[in-house]
Amino acid sequence: MLTRRHSCSALLGALAGFGSGWAARPALALDYPTRTVHIVVPFLASGGTDILARLAANRLAERWRRPCVVDNMPGGSGGIATRAVMRAAPDGYTLLMASTGALLAAASGPDGSPADDFDITKLLAPIALLAAPPYVVTVNPAVPARSVATLVDLARARQARGEPLRYGSSGAGAASHLIAVLFAKETGVTLTHVPYQGTGEAMQELLSGRIDLLFAPPQTVRPVVDAGRLVPVALTGATRSPLFARVPTLAEAGIAGFDSVGWFGLLAPRHTPDDIVARLESEVTAVLAEPAVLTRLAELGAEPQPITGTAFARFINTDIARWTPLMRDAGIVPAGGPRR
């Protein structure tokens, strides 16, 4: 995830010069895969990470004519799944569909706080970034806020009564948590964090009224927003989304410079052979160029961002480094670690 003042477009531009990095690697593993490939998702089914993982798995299975299945492994803010993949055999048959929060547990230092020397290549082998969408600030219809201004006013009123608004997330250190912390810091309001094991679970709690708002990826909330069951108040990115054309960005709504998006990418265990990583990079890039996939990603509000190899590693390292100060200042310790 990228924060304000460090927009996704700026980072993508800076990384463009690195290229995909796979062309100079050894010959592709043309016989890969010969058996089932497992994509591990660190959260429950129906969340943003899970939705994109299943889209990728279905298309890869068709291309390979081999099974490619999604294994949901929630817990520890994504740390349990991340560490499981780190320990898996580096043969290309166990992969991780990760996001910011899933890696932050692995990025933690000895005391559980974010480490300053984080380097994803010491933990995992980055394959490809699939998407980096803005999040949607979404409220239950019973919450009397239909704009950022009324949401902030309501938060302050509830804060004054000792009853802060409650927001959900997919776990401590997840994008849905950190963006909310940044929002609270920039607006000067107090919000109560309620962590879950995925944004899908958090969304169900929002629908039930047990929490008041959620900062969620569009692929998770768009169906219920379209059905009128949740209300979108703002987008967290720098520009509006064609899927939410009438929904302003937080910057447009008065929070100057706010620009924060989530990201979703595929990684393998460290020491996975270069030719298999190269094959995976090539296949994922091809999948993201398929018209049907492009259409589906557009419907989900998740425009493809096919960054691979060294550039994707730098993308992750930059993202983790930018969130580290906020996490340290807020005393946020990912639930999954500091275990290595």
C-alpha atoms as a PDB file:
ATOM      1  CA  MET A   1       0.000   0.000   0.000  1.00  0.00           C
ATOM      2  CA  LEU A   2       1.191   3.507  -0.777  1.00  0.00           C
ATOM      3  CA  THR A   3       0.560   6.558   1.332  1.00  0.00           C
ATOM      4  CA  ARG A   4      -0.292  10.122   0.472  1.00  0.00           C
ATOM      5  CA  ARG A   5       2.578  12.193  -0.942  1.00  0.00           C
ATOM      6  CA  HIS A   6       3.850   8.947  -2.453  1.00  0.00           C
ATOM      7  CA  SER A   7       1.188   8.154  -5.019  1.00  0.00           C
ATOM      8  CA  CYS A   8       0.939   4.829  -6.766  1.00  0.00           C
ATOM      9  CA  SER A   9       1.424   6.465 -10.163  1.00  0.00           C
ATOM     10  CA  ALA A  10       4.620   8.148  -9.035  1.00  0.00           C
ATOM     11  CA  LEU A  11       6.056   4.928  -7.696  1.00  0.00           C
ATOM     12  CA  LEU A  12       5.059   2.950 -10.769  1.00  0.00           C
ATOM     13  CA  GLY A  13       6.749   5.552 -12.948  1.00  0.00           C
ATOM     14  CA  ALA A  14       9.913   5.384 -10.901  1.00  0.00           C
ATOM     15  CA  LEU A  15       9.986   1.615 -11.223  1.00  0.00           C
ATOM     16  CA  ALA A  16       9.233   1.452 -14.918  1.00  0.00           C
ATOM     17  CA  GLY A  17      12.880   1.659 -15.859  1.00  0.00           C
ATOM     18  CA  PHE A  18      13.660  -1.593 -14.147  1.00  0.00           C
ATOM     19  CA  GLY A  19      11.562  -3.636 -16.607  1.00  0.00           C
ATOM     20  CA  SER A  20      10.237  -7.062 -15.894  1.00  0.00           C
ATOM     21  CA  GLY A  21      13.649  -8.536 -15.245  1.00  0.00           C
ATOM     22  CA  TRP A  22      12.805 -12.038 -16.472  1.00  0.00           C
ATOM     23  CA  ALA A  23      14.172 -11.956 -20.008  1.00  0.00           C
ATOM     24  CA  ALA A  24      17.800 -12.184 -18.896  1.00  0.00           C
ATOM     25  CA  ARG A  25      17.199 -15.189 -16.644  1.00  0.00           C
ATOM     26  CA  PRO A  26      17.855 -18.833 -17.563  1.00  0.00           C
ATOM     27  CA  ALA A  27      15.638 -20.713 -20.017  1.00  0.00           C
ATOM     28  CA  LEU A  28      12.045 -21.114 -18.903  1.00  0.00           C
ATOM     29  CA  ALA A  29      11.019 -24.278 -17.082  1.00  0.00           C
ATOM     30  CA  LEU A  30       8.937 -25.487 -20.000  1.00  0.00           C
ATOM     31  CA  ASP A  31       7.742 -28.597 -18.154  1.00  0.00           C
ATOM     32  CA  TYR A  32       6.406 -26.552 -15.201  1.00  0.00           C
ATOM     33  CA  PRO A  33       3.922 -27.218 -13.710  1.00  0.00           C
ATOM     34  CA  THR A  34       3.494 -30.982 -13.708  1.00  0.00           C
ATOM     35  CA  ARG A  35       1.115 -31.096 -10.736  1.00  0.00           C
ATOM     36  CA  THR A  36      -1.250 -28.904  -8.704  1.00  0.00           C
ATOM     37  CA  VAL A  37      -0.087 -25.387  -7.848  1.00  0.00           C
ATOM     38  CA  HIS A  38      -1.386 -23.938  -4.580  1.00  0.00           C
ATOM     39  CA  ILE A  39      -1.910 -20.198  -4.086  1.00  0.00           C
ATOM     40  CA  VAL A  40      -2.084 -19.448  -0.359  1.00  0.00           C
ATOM     41  CA  VAL A  41      -4.328 -16.525   0.649  1.00  0.00           C
ATOM     42  CA  PRO A  42      -3.647 -15.106   4.142  1.00  0.00           C
ATOM     43  CA  PHE A  43      -7.291 -14.187   4.752  1.00  0.00           C
ATOM     44  CA  LEU A  44     -10.771 -15.701   4.677  1.00  0.00           C
ATOM     45  CA  ALA A  45     -12.614 -16.251   1.411  1.00  0.00           C
ATOM     46  CA  SER A  46     -14.516 -13.369  -0.251  1.00  0.00           C
ATOM     47  CA  GLY A  47     -12.017 -10.657   0.707  1.00  0.00           C
ATOM     48  CA  GLY A  48     -10.092  -8.548  -1.789  1.00  0.00           C
ATOM     49  CA  THR A  49      -6.974 -10.752  -1.758  1.00  0.00           C
ATOM     50  CA  ASP A  50      -9.049 -13.906  -2.163  1.00  0.00           C
ATOM     51  CA  ILE A  51     -11.077 -12.542  -5.082  1.00  0.00           C
ATOM     52  CA  LEU A  52      -7.965 -11.666  -7.086  1.00  0.00           C
ATOM     53  CA  ALA A  53      -6.242 -14.938  -6.162  1.00  0.00           C
ATOM     54  CA  ARG A  54      -9.172 -16.956  -7.500  1.00  0.00           C
ATOM     55  CA  LEU A  55      -9.278 -14.949 -10.704  1.00  0.00           C
ATOM     56  CA  ALA A  56      -5.560 -15.591 -11.247  1.00  0.00           C
ATOM     57  CA  ALA A  57      -5.790 -19.264 -10.247  1.00  0.00           C
ATOM     58  CA  ASN A  58      -8.639 -19.975 -12.661  1.00  0.00           C
ATOM     59  CA  ARG A  59      -6.847 -18.411 -15.596  1.00  0.00           C
ATOM     60  CA  LEU A  60      -3.495 -20.040 -14.801  1.00  0.00           C
ATOM     61  CA  ALA A  61      -5.164 -23.442 -14.506  1.00  0.00           C
ATOM     62  CA  GLU A  62      -6.696 -23.015 -17.952  1.00  0.00           C
ATOM     63  CA  ARG A  63      -3.387 -21.940 -19.465  1.00  0.00           C
ATOM     64  CA  TRP A  64      -1.421 -24.771 -17.857  1.00  0.00           C
ATOM     65  CA  ARG A  65      -4.128 -27.424 -18.102  1.00  0.00           C
ATOM     66  CA  ARG A  66      -3.136 -28.267 -14.562  1.00  0.00           C
ATOM     67  CA  PRO A  67      -5.028 -27.566 -11.325  1.00  0.00           C
ATOM     68  CA  CYS A  68      -4.256 -24.270  -9.615  1.00  0.00           C
ATOM     69  CA  VAL A  69      -6.132 -23.992  -6.337  1.00  0.00           C
ATOM     70  CA  VAL A  70      -6.559 -21.336  -3.656  1.00  0.00           C
ATOM     71  CA  ASP A  71      -5.890 -22.276  -0.034  1.00  0.00           C
ATOM     72  CA  ASN A  72      -7.233 -19.815   2.549  1.00  0.00           C
ATOM     73  CA  MET A  73      -5.030 -19.653   5.656  1.00  0.00           C
ATOM     74  CA  PRO A  74      -6.295 -16.762   7.835  1.00  0.00           C
ATOM     75  CA  GLY A  75      -4.822 -15.603  11.118  1.00  0.00           C
ATOM     76  CA  GLY A  76      -2.149 -13.378  12.547  1.00  0.00           C
ATOM     77  CA  SER A  77      -2.992 -10.479  10.203  1.00  0.00           C
ATOM     78  CA  GLY A  78      -1.684 -12.612   7.351  1.00  0.00           C
ATOM     79  CA  GLY A  79       1.484 -13.628   9.180  1.00  0.00           C
ATOM     80  CA  ILE A  80       0.549 -17.298   9.537  1.00  0.00           C
ATOM     81  CA  ALA A  81       0.170 -17.791   5.795  1.00  0.00           C
ATOM     82  CA  THR A  82       3.217 -15.694   4.981  1.00  0.00           C
ATOM     83  CA  ARG A  83       5.451 -17.749   7.251  1.00  0.00           C
ATOM     84  CA  ALA A  84       3.960 -21.002   5.917  1.00  0.00           C
ATOM     85  CA  VAL A  85       4.926 -20.056   2.367  1.00  0.00           C
ATOM     86  CA  MET A  86       8.357 -18.910   3.543  1.00  0.00           C
ATOM     87  CA  ARG A  87       8.880 -22.445   4.902  1.00  0.00           C
ATOM     88  CA  ALA A  88       7.440 -24.234   1.861  1.00  0.00           C
ATOM     89  CA  ALA A  89       9.575 -26.095  -0.658  1.00  0.00           C
ATOM     90  CA  PRO A  90      10.986 -23.591  -3.185  1.00  0.00           C
ATOM     91  CA  ASP A  91       9.718 -25.506  -6.205  1.00  0.00           C
ATOM     92  CA  GLY A  92       6.980 -23.218  -7.560  1.00  0.00           C
ATOM     93  CA  TYR A  93       4.081 -25.317  -6.288  1.00  0.00           C
ATOM     94  CA  THR A  94       3.276 -23.171  -3.245  1.00  0.00           C
ATOM     95  CA  LEU A  95       2.737 -19.453  -3.876  1.00  0.00           C
ATOM     96  CA  LEU A  96       1.494 -16.528  -1.787  1.00  0.00           C
ATOM     97  CA  MET A  97      -1.066 -13.926  -2.815  1.00  0.00           C
ATOM     98  CA  ALA A  98       0.038 -11.091  -0.576  1.00  0.00           C
ATOM     99  CA  SER A  99      -0.855  -7.544   0.344  1.00  0.00           C
ATOM    100  CA  THR A 100       0.723  -4.997   2.677  1.00  0.00           C
ATOM    101  CA  GLY A 101      -0.576  -6.497   5.900  1.00  0.00           C
ATOM    102  CA  ALA A 102       0.399 -10.052   5.001  1.00  0.00           C
ATOM    103  CA  LEU A 103       4.054  -9.044   4.791  1.00  0.00           C
ATOM    104  CA  LEU A 104       4.289  -6.656   7.730  1.00  0.00           C
ATOM    105  CA  ALA A 105       4.388  -9.490  10.269  1.00  0.00           C
ATOM    106  CA  ALA A 106       7.434 -10.870   8.451  1.00  0.00           C
ATOM    107  CA  ALA A 107       8.871  -7.346   8.408  1.00  0.00           C
ATOM    108  CA  SER A 108       8.695  -7.006  12.187  1.00  0.00           C
ATOM    109  CA  GLY A 109      11.803  -6.621  14.319  1.00  0.00           C
ATOM    110  CA  PRO A 110      12.573  -8.480  17.559  1.00  0.00           C
ATOM    111  CA  ASP A 111      10.089  -6.399  19.573  1.00  0.00           C
ATOM    112  CA  GLY A 112       7.315  -6.771  17.036  1.00  0.00           C
ATOM    113  CA  SER A 113       7.681  -3.250  15.624  1.00  0.00           C
ATOM    114  CA  PRO A 114       8.391  -2.727  11.911  1.00  0.00           C
ATOM    115  CA  ALA A 115      12.026  -3.356  11.032  1.00  0.00           C
ATOM    116  CA  ASP A 116      14.014  -0.618   9.304  1.00  0.00           C
ATOM    117  CA  ASP A 117      16.121  -3.061   7.272  1.00  0.00           C
ATOM    118  CA  PHE A 118      13.269  -4.963   5.641  1.00  0.00           C
ATOM    119  CA  ASP A 119      14.146  -6.572   2.304  1.00  0.00           C
ATOM    120  CA  ILE A 120      11.508  -8.802   0.736  1.00  0.00           C
ATOM    121  CA  THR A 121      14.133 -10.764  -1.240  1.00  0.00           C
ATOM    122  CA  LYS A 122      15.533 -12.108   2.049  1.00  0.00           C
ATOM    123  CA  LEU A 123      12.144 -13.641   2.817  1.00  0.00           C
ATOM    124  CA  LEU A 124      10.346 -14.443  -0.441  1.00  0.00           C
ATOM    125  CA  ALA A 125      10.747 -14.310  -4.221  1.00  0.00           C
ATOM    126  CA  PRO A 126       8.486 -11.586  -5.689  1.00  0.00           C
ATOM    127  CA  ILE A 127       6.742 -12.677  -8.891  1.00  0.00           C
ATOM    128  CA  ALA A 128       4.263 -10.017  -9.982  1.00  0.00           C
ATOM    129  CA  LEU A 129       2.060  -7.179  -8.810  1.00  0.00           C
ATOM    130  CA  LEU A 130      -1.493  -7.773 -10.016  1.00  0.00           C
ATOM    131  CA  ALA A 131      -3.383  -4.673  -8.930  1.00  0.00           C
ATOM    132  CA  ALA A 132      -3.100  -1.551  -6.770  1.00  0.00           C
ATOM    133  CA  PRO A 133      -6.594  -0.076  -6.348  1.00  0.00           C
ATOM    134  CA  PRO A 134      -7.715   2.784  -4.100  1.00  0.00           C
ATOM    135  CA  TYR A 135      -9.779   1.750  -1.097  1.00  0.00           C
ATOM    136  CA  VAL A 136     -13.401   2.786  -0.556  1.00  0.00           C
ATOM    137  CA  VAL A 137     -14.494   4.498   2.664  1.00  0.00           C
ATOM    138  CA  THR A 138     -17.780   2.678   3.244  1.00  0.00           C
ATOM    139  CA  VAL A 139     -20.436   3.073   5.956  1.00  0.00           C
ATOM    140  CA  ASN A 140     -23.501   1.175   7.040  1.00  0.00           C
ATOM    141  CA  PRO A 141     -26.669   2.965   5.785  1.00  0.00           C
ATOM    142  CA  ALA A 142     -27.746   3.487   9.418  1.00  0.00           C
ATOM    143  CA  VAL A 143     -24.703   5.714   9.973  1.00  0.00           C
ATOM    144  CA  PRO A 144     -25.871   9.321   9.325  1.00  0.00           C
ATOM    145  CA  ALA A 145     -22.920  10.327   7.126  1.00  0.00           C
ATOM    146  CA  ARG A 146     -23.034  10.727   3.367  1.00  0.00           C
ATOM    147  CA  SER A 147     -19.903  12.847   2.929  1.00  0.00           C
ATOM    148  CA  VAL A 148     -16.436  13.103   4.413  1.00  0.00           C
ATOM    149  CA  ALA A 149     -17.408  16.299   6.243  1.00  0.00           C
ATOM    150  CA  THR A 150     -20.461  14.718   7.891  1.00  0.00           C
ATOM    151  CA  LEU A 151     -18.447  11.583   8.696  1.00  0.00           C
ATOM    152  CA  VAL A 152     -15.768  13.642  10.439  1.00  0.00           C
ATOM    153  CA  ASP A 153     -18.399  15.677  12.313  1.00  0.00           C
ATOM    154  CA  LEU A 154     -20.116  12.468  13.428  1.00  0.00           C
ATOM    155  CA  ALA A 155     -16.800  10.957  14.530  1.00  0.00           C
ATOM    156  CA  ARG A 156     -16.056  14.024  16.635  1.00  0.00           C
ATOM    157  CA  ALA A 157     -19.525  13.988  18.184  1.00  0.00           C
ATOM    158  CA  ARG A 158     -19.259  10.315  19.029  1.00  0.00           C
ATOM    159  CA  GLN A 159     -15.746  10.870  20.374  1.00  0.00           C
ATOM    160  CA  ALA A 160     -17.047  13.641  22.671  1.00  0.00           C
ATOM    161  CA  ARG A 161     -19.650  11.217  24.072  1.00  0.00           C
ATOM    162  CA  GLY A 162     -16.978   8.580  24.682  1.00  0.00           C
ATOM    163  CA  GLU A 163     -18.432   6.345  21.949  1.00  0.00           C
ATOM    164  CA  PRO A 164     -15.975   6.496  19.024  1.00  0.00           C
ATOM    165  CA  LEU A 165     -17.027   5.147  15.651  1.00  0.00           C
ATOM    166  CA  ARG A 166     -15.943   1.549  15.148  1.00  0.00           C
ATOM    167  CA  TYR A 167     -14.145   0.485  11.978  1.00  0.00           C
ATOM    168  CA  GLY A 168     -13.181  -2.993  10.841  1.00  0.00           C
ATOM    169  CA  SER A 169     -10.055  -4.309   9.172  1.00  0.00           C
ATOM    170  CA  SER A 170      -8.512  -7.562   8.006  1.00  0.00           C
ATOM    171  CA  GLY A 171      -6.051  -7.378  10.908  1.00  0.00           C
ATOM    172  CA  ALA A 172      -3.464  -5.215  12.642  1.00  0.00           C
ATOM    173  CA  GLY A 173      -1.119  -3.728  10.057  1.00  0.00           C
ATOM    174  CA  ALA A 174      -3.372  -4.539   7.106  1.00  0.00           C
ATOM    175  CA  ALA A 175      -4.105  -1.911   4.468  1.00  0.00           C
ATOM    176  CA  SER A 176      -7.658  -1.562   5.766  1.00  0.00           C
ATOM    177  CA  HIS A 177      -6.196  -0.778   9.200  1.00  0.00           C
ATOM    178  CA  LEU A 178      -3.340   1.523   8.194  1.00  0.00           C
ATOM    179  CA  ILE A 179      -5.410   3.672   5.834  1.00  0.00           C
ATOM    180  CA  ALA A 180      -7.937   4.196   8.635  1.00  0.00           C
ATOM    181  CA  VAL A 181      -5.134   5.176  11.025  1.00  0.00           C
ATOM    182  CA  LEU A 182      -3.843   7.668   8.475  1.00  0.00           C
ATOM    183  CA  PHE A 183      -7.379   9.045   7.988  1.00  0.00           C
ATOM    184  CA  ALA A 184      -7.825   9.480  11.746  1.00  0.00           C
ATOM    185  CA  LYS A 185      -4.452  11.200  12.035  1.00  0.00           C
ATOM    186  CA  GLU A 186      -5.164  13.629   9.188  1.00  0.00           C
ATOM    187  CA  THR A 187      -8.649  14.533  10.442  1.00  0.00           C
ATOM    188  CA  GLY A 188      -7.836  14.562  14.162  1.00  0.00           C
ATOM    189  CA  VAL A 189     -10.592  12.114  15.088  1.00  0.00           C
ATOM    190  CA  THR A 190     -10.549   9.050  17.303  1.00  0.00           C
ATOM    191  CA  LEU A 191     -11.802   5.758  15.862  1.00  0.00           C
ATOM    192  CA  THR A 192     -12.004   2.318  17.484  1.00  0.00           C
ATOM    193  CA  HIS A 193     -10.291  -0.494  15.574  1.00  0.00           C
ATOM    194  CA  VAL A 194     -11.970  -3.915  15.357  1.00  0.00           C
ATOM    195  CA  PRO A 195      -9.732  -6.456  13.576  1.00  0.00           C
ATOM    196  CA  TYR A 196     -11.072  -9.481  11.700  1.00  0.00           C
ATOM    197  CA  GLN A 197      -9.517 -12.281   9.658  1.00  0.00           C
ATOM    198  CA  GLY A 198     -10.280 -10.686   6.293  1.00  0.00           C
ATOM    199  CA  THR A 199     -12.126  -7.781   4.713  1.00  0.00           C
ATOM    200  CA  GLY A 200     -14.894 -10.175   3.679  1.00  0.00           C
ATOM    201  CA  GLU A 201     -15.622 -10.945   7.335  1.00  0.00           C
ATOM    202  CA  ALA A 202     -15.321  -7.251   8.245  1.00  0.00           C
ATOM    203  CA  MET A 203     -17.798  -6.375   5.501  1.00  0.00           C
ATOM    204  CA  GLN A 204     -20.345  -8.835   6.917  1.00  0.00           C
ATOM    205  CA  GLU A 205     -19.948  -7.162  10.317  1.00  0.00           C
ATOM    206  CA  LEU A 206     -20.482  -3.778   8.676  1.00  0.00           C
ATOM    207  CA  LEU A 207     -23.623  -5.046   6.957  1.00  0.00           C
ATOM    208  CA  SER A 208     -24.930  -6.270  10.310  1.00  0.00           C
ATOM    209  CA  GLY A 209     -24.275  -2.899  11.960  1.00  0.00           C
ATOM    210  CA  ARG A 210     -21.796  -4.234  14.498  1.00  0.00           C
ATOM    211  CA  ILE A 211     -19.212  -1.795  13.133  1.00  0.00           C
ATOM    212  CA  ASP A 212     -19.801   1.618  11.559  1.00  0.00           C
ATOM    213  CA  LEU A 213     -17.316   1.938   8.699  1.00  0.00           C
ATOM    214  CA  LEU A 214     -14.729   0.093   6.692  1.00  0.00           C
ATOM    215  CA  PHE A 215     -11.827   1.107   4.455  1.00  0.00           C
ATOM    216  CA  ALA A 216     -12.039  -1.703   1.908  1.00  0.00           C
ATOM    217  CA  PRO A 217     -10.771  -2.683  -1.547  1.00  0.00           C
ATOM    218  CA  PRO A 218     -13.391  -2.129  -4.254  1.00  0.00           C
ATOM    219  CA  GLN A 219     -13.482  -5.785  -5.306  1.00  0.00           C
ATOM    220  CA  THR A 220     -14.840  -6.627  -1.844  1.00  0.00           C
ATOM    221  CA  VAL A 221     -17.553  -3.991  -1.449  1.00  0.00           C
ATOM    222  CA  ARG A 222     -18.711  -3.146  -4.954  1.00  0.00           C
ATOM    223  CA  PRO A 223     -21.516  -5.761  -5.158  1.00  0.00           C
ATOM    224  CA  VAL A 224     -23.104  -4.662  -1.876  1.00  0.00           C
ATOM    225  CA  VAL A 225     -22.641  -0.984  -2.720  1.00  0.00           C
ATOM    226  CA  ASP A 226     -24.373  -1.557  -6.057  1.00  0.00           C
ATOM    227  CA  ALA A 227     -27.184  -3.304  -4.183  1.00  0.00           C
ATOM    228  CA  GLY A 228     -27.619  -0.272  -1.919  1.00  0.00           C
ATOM    229  CA  ARG A 229     -26.687  -2.196   1.221  1.00  0.00           C
ATOM    230  CA  LEU A 230     -23.614  -0.052   1.977  1.00  0.00           C
ATOM    231  CA  VAL A 231     -22.827   3.597   1.285  1.00  0.00           C
ATOM    232  CA  PRO A 232     -19.539   4.718  -0.317  1.00  0.00           C
ATOM    233  CA  VAL A 233     -18.371   8.035   1.150  1.00  0.00           C
ATOM    234  CA  ALA A 234     -14.970   8.568  -0.469  1.00  0.00           C
ATOM    235  CA  LEU A 235     -12.043   6.964  -2.264  1.00  0.00           C
ATOM    236  CA  THR A 236      -8.550   6.928  -0.798  1.00  0.00           C
ATOM    237  CA  GLY A 237      -6.577   7.293  -4.064  1.00  0.00           C
ATOM    238  CA  ALA A 238      -5.552  10.397  -5.974  1.00  0.00           C
ATOM    239  CA  THR A 239      -8.195  10.089  -8.693  1.00  0.00           C
ATOM    240  CA  ARG A 240     -11.796   9.012  -8.948  1.00  0.00           C
ATOM    241  CA  SER A 241     -12.784   5.529 -10.088  1.00  0.00           C
ATOM    242  CA  PRO A 242     -15.095   5.038 -13.083  1.00  0.00           C
ATOM    243  CA  LEU A 243     -16.934   2.464 -10.969  1.00  0.00           C
ATOM    244  CA  PHE A 244     -17.695   5.099  -8.323  1.00  0.00           C
ATOM    245  CA  ALA A 245     -17.941   8.142 -10.586  1.00  0.00           C
ATOM    246  CA  ARG A 246     -19.934  10.218  -8.099  1.00  0.00           C
ATOM    247  CA  VAL A 247     -17.750   9.343  -5.125  1.00  0.00           C
ATOM    248  CA  PRO A 248     -15.047  11.961  -4.408  1.00  0.00           C
ATOM    249  CA  THR A 249     -11.520  11.253  -3.300  1.00  0.00           C
ATOM    250  CA  LEU A 250     -10.542  12.179   0.241  1.00  0.00           C
ATOM    251  CA  ALA A 251      -8.303  14.866  -1.221  1.00  0.00           C
ATOM    252  CA  GLU A 252     -11.261  16.358  -3.121  1.00  0.00           C
ATOM    253  CA  ALA A 253     -13.284  16.238   0.086  1.00  0.00           C
ATOM    254  CA  GLY A 254     -10.775  18.439   1.894  1.00  0.00           C
ATOM    255  CA  ILE A 255      -8.012  16.155   3.205  1.00  0.00           C
ATOM    256  CA  ALA A 256      -5.241  17.711   1.150  1.00  0.00           C
ATOM    257  CA  GLY A 257      -2.714  15.343  -0.401  1.00  0.00           C
ATOM    258  CA  PHE A 258      -4.355  12.135   0.805  1.00  0.00           C
ATOM    259  CA  ASP A 259      -3.411   9.370  -1.631  1.00  0.00           C
ATOM    260  CA  SER A 260      -3.299   5.777  -0.432  1.00  0.00           C
ATOM    261  CA  VAL A 261      -3.947   2.571  -2.336  1.00  0.00           C
ATOM    262  CA  GLY A 262      -3.766  -1.109  -1.541  1.00  0.00           C
ATOM    263  CA  TRP A 263      -1.818  -3.653  -3.567  1.00  0.00           C
ATOM    264  CA  PHE A 264      -2.095  -7.357  -4.299  1.00  0.00           C
ATOM    265  CA  GLY A 265       0.751  -9.457  -5.633  1.00  0.00           C
ATOM    266  CA  LEU A 266       2.075 -12.978  -6.090  1.00  0.00           C
ATOM    267  CA  LEU A 267       5.238 -14.277  -4.397  1.00  0.00           C
ATOM    268  CA  ALA A 268       7.058 -17.612  -4.076  1.00  0.00           C
ATOM    269  CA  PRO A 269       9.336 -19.082  -1.399  1.00  0.00           C
ATOM    270  CA  ARG A 270      12.853 -17.701  -1.391  1.00  0.00           C
ATOM    271  CA  HIS A 271      15.313 -19.751  -3.499  1.00  0.00           C
ATOM    272  CA  THR A 272      12.630 -20.803  -5.982  1.00  0.00           C
ATOM    273  CA  PRO A 273      14.638 -21.458  -9.192  1.00  0.00           C
ATOM    274  CA  ASP A 274      14.999 -18.430 -11.433  1.00  0.00           C
ATOM    275  CA  ASP A 275      13.536 -20.229 -14.456  1.00  0.00           C
ATOM    276  CA  ILE A 276      10.344 -21.109 -12.565  1.00  0.00           C
ATOM    277  CA  VAL A 277       9.996 -17.551 -11.232  1.00  0.00           C
ATOM    278  CA  ALA A 278      10.517 -16.331 -14.798  1.00  0.00           C
ATOM    279  CA  ARG A 279       7.841 -18.688 -16.074  1.00  0.00           C
ATOM    280  CA  LEU A 280       5.413 -17.456 -13.442  1.00  0.00           C
ATOM    281  CA  GLU A 281       6.196 -13.804 -14.216  1.00  0.00           C
ATOM    282  CA  SER A 282       5.553 -14.448 -17.904  1.00  0.00           C
ATOM    283  CA  GLU A 283       2.306 -16.330 -17.278  1.00  0.00           C
ATOM    284  CA  VAL A 284       0.877 -13.769 -14.862  1.00  0.00           C
ATOM    285  CA  THR A 285       1.758 -10.931 -17.231  1.00  0.00           C
ATOM    286  CA  ALA A 286      -0.020 -12.776 -20.039  1.00  0.00           C
ATOM    287  CA  VAL A 287      -3.080 -13.369 -17.858  1.00  0.00           C
ATOM    288  CA  LEU A 288      -3.277  -9.667 -16.989  1.00  0.00           C
ATOM    289  CA  ALA A 289      -3.317  -8.833 -20.712  1.00  0.00           C
ATOM    290  CA  GLU A 290      -6.273 -11.101 -21.520  1.00  0.00           C
ATOM    291  CA  PRO A 291      -9.364  -9.084 -22.554  1.00  0.00           C
ATOM    292  CA  ALA A 292     -11.673 -11.109 -20.292  1.00  0.00           C
ATOM    293  CA  VAL A 293      -9.391 -10.552 -17.311  1.00  0.00           C
ATOM    294  CA  LEU A 294      -9.072  -6.850 -18.062  1.00  0.00           C
ATOM    295  CA  THR A 295     -12.857  -6.608 -18.196  1.00  0.00           C
ATOM    296  CA  ARG A 296     -13.253  -8.460 -14.922  1.00  0.00           C
ATOM    297  CA  LEU A 297     -10.609  -6.359 -13.168  1.00  0.00           C
ATOM    298  CA  ALA A 298     -12.343  -3.211 -14.415  1.00  0.00           C
ATOM    299  CA  GLU A 299     -15.645  -4.495 -13.021  1.00  0.00           C
ATOM    300  CA  LEU A 300     -13.919  -5.038  -9.683  1.00  0.00           C
ATOM    301  CA  GLY A 301     -12.272  -1.615  -9.694  1.00  0.00           C
ATOM    302  CA  ALA A 302      -8.791  -3.167  -9.690  1.00  0.00           C
ATOM    303  CA  GLU A 303      -6.811  -1.956 -12.669  1.00  0.00           C
ATOM    304  CA  PRO A 304      -3.932  -4.338 -13.484  1.00  0.00           C
ATOM    305  CA  GLN A 305      -0.385  -3.296 -12.568  1.00  0.00           C
ATOM    306  CA  PRO A 306       1.890  -5.973 -14.097  1.00  0.00           C
ATOM    307  CA  ILE A 307       5.169  -5.126 -12.365  1.00  0.00           C
ATOM    308  CA  THR A 308       7.487  -8.119 -12.023  1.00  0.00           C
ATOM    309  CA  GLY A 309      10.885  -9.231 -10.771  1.00  0.00           C
ATOM    310  CA  THR A 310      13.306  -6.674  -9.354  1.00  0.00           C
ATOM    311  CA  ALA A 311      10.854  -3.832  -9.872  1.00  0.00           C
ATOM    312  CA  PHE A 312       8.190  -5.599  -7.814  1.00  0.00           C
ATOM    313  CA  ALA A 313      10.718  -6.255  -5.038  1.00  0.00           C
ATOM    314  CA  ARG A 314      11.582  -2.549  -4.940  1.00  0.00           C
ATOM    315  CA  PHE A 315       7.867  -1.697  -4.944  1.00  0.00           C
ATOM    316  CA  ILE A 316       7.299  -3.849  -1.838  1.00  0.00           C
ATOM    317  CA  ASN A 317      10.372  -2.561  -0.004  1.00  0.00           C
ATOM    318  CA  THR A 318       9.366   1.042  -0.695  1.00  0.00           C
ATOM    319  CA  ASP A 319       5.827   0.412   0.494  1.00  0.00           C
ATOM    320  CA  ILE A 320       6.908  -1.226   3.767  1.00  0.00           C
ATOM    321  CA  ALA A 321       9.454   1.544   4.420  1.00  0.00           C
ATOM    322  CA  ARG A 322       6.821   4.254   3.957  1.00  0.00           C
ATOM    323  CA  TRP A 323       4.437   2.684   6.459  1.00  0.00           C
ATOM    324  CA  THR A 324       7.062   1.968   9.103  1.00  0.00           C
ATOM    325  CA  PRO A 325       7.077   5.455  10.725  1.00  0.00           C
ATOM    326  CA  LEU A 326       3.281   5.588  10.982  1.00  0.00           C
ATOM    327  CA  MET A 327       3.137   2.144  12.541  1.00  0.00           C
ATOM    328  CA  ARG A 328       5.869   2.966  15.019  1.00  0.00           C
ATOM    329  CA  ASP A 329       4.267   6.291  15.990  1.00  0.00           C
ATOM    330  CA  ALA A 330       0.873   4.625  16.450  1.00  0.00           C
ATOM    331  CA  GLY A 331       2.301   1.651  18.328  1.00  0.00           C
ATOM    332  CA  ILE A 332       0.924  -0.818  15.791  1.00  0.00           C
ATOM    333  CA  VAL A 333       2.323  -4.336  16.081  1.00  0.00           C
ATOM    334  CA  PRO A 334       1.102  -6.841  13.460  1.00  0.00           C
ATOM    335  CA  ALA A 335      -0.727  -9.681  15.128  1.00  0.00           C
ATOM    336  CA  GLY A 336       1.334 -12.234  13.287  1.00  0.00           C
ATOM    337  CA  GLY A 337       4.782 -11.693  14.555  1.00  0.00           C
ATOM    338  CA  PRO A 338       7.786 -10.959  15.094  1.00  0.00           C
ATOM    339  CA  ARG A 339       8.508 -14.610  14.416  1.00  0.00           C
ATOM    340  CA  ARG A 340      10.819 -15.400  11.494  1.00  0.00           C
END
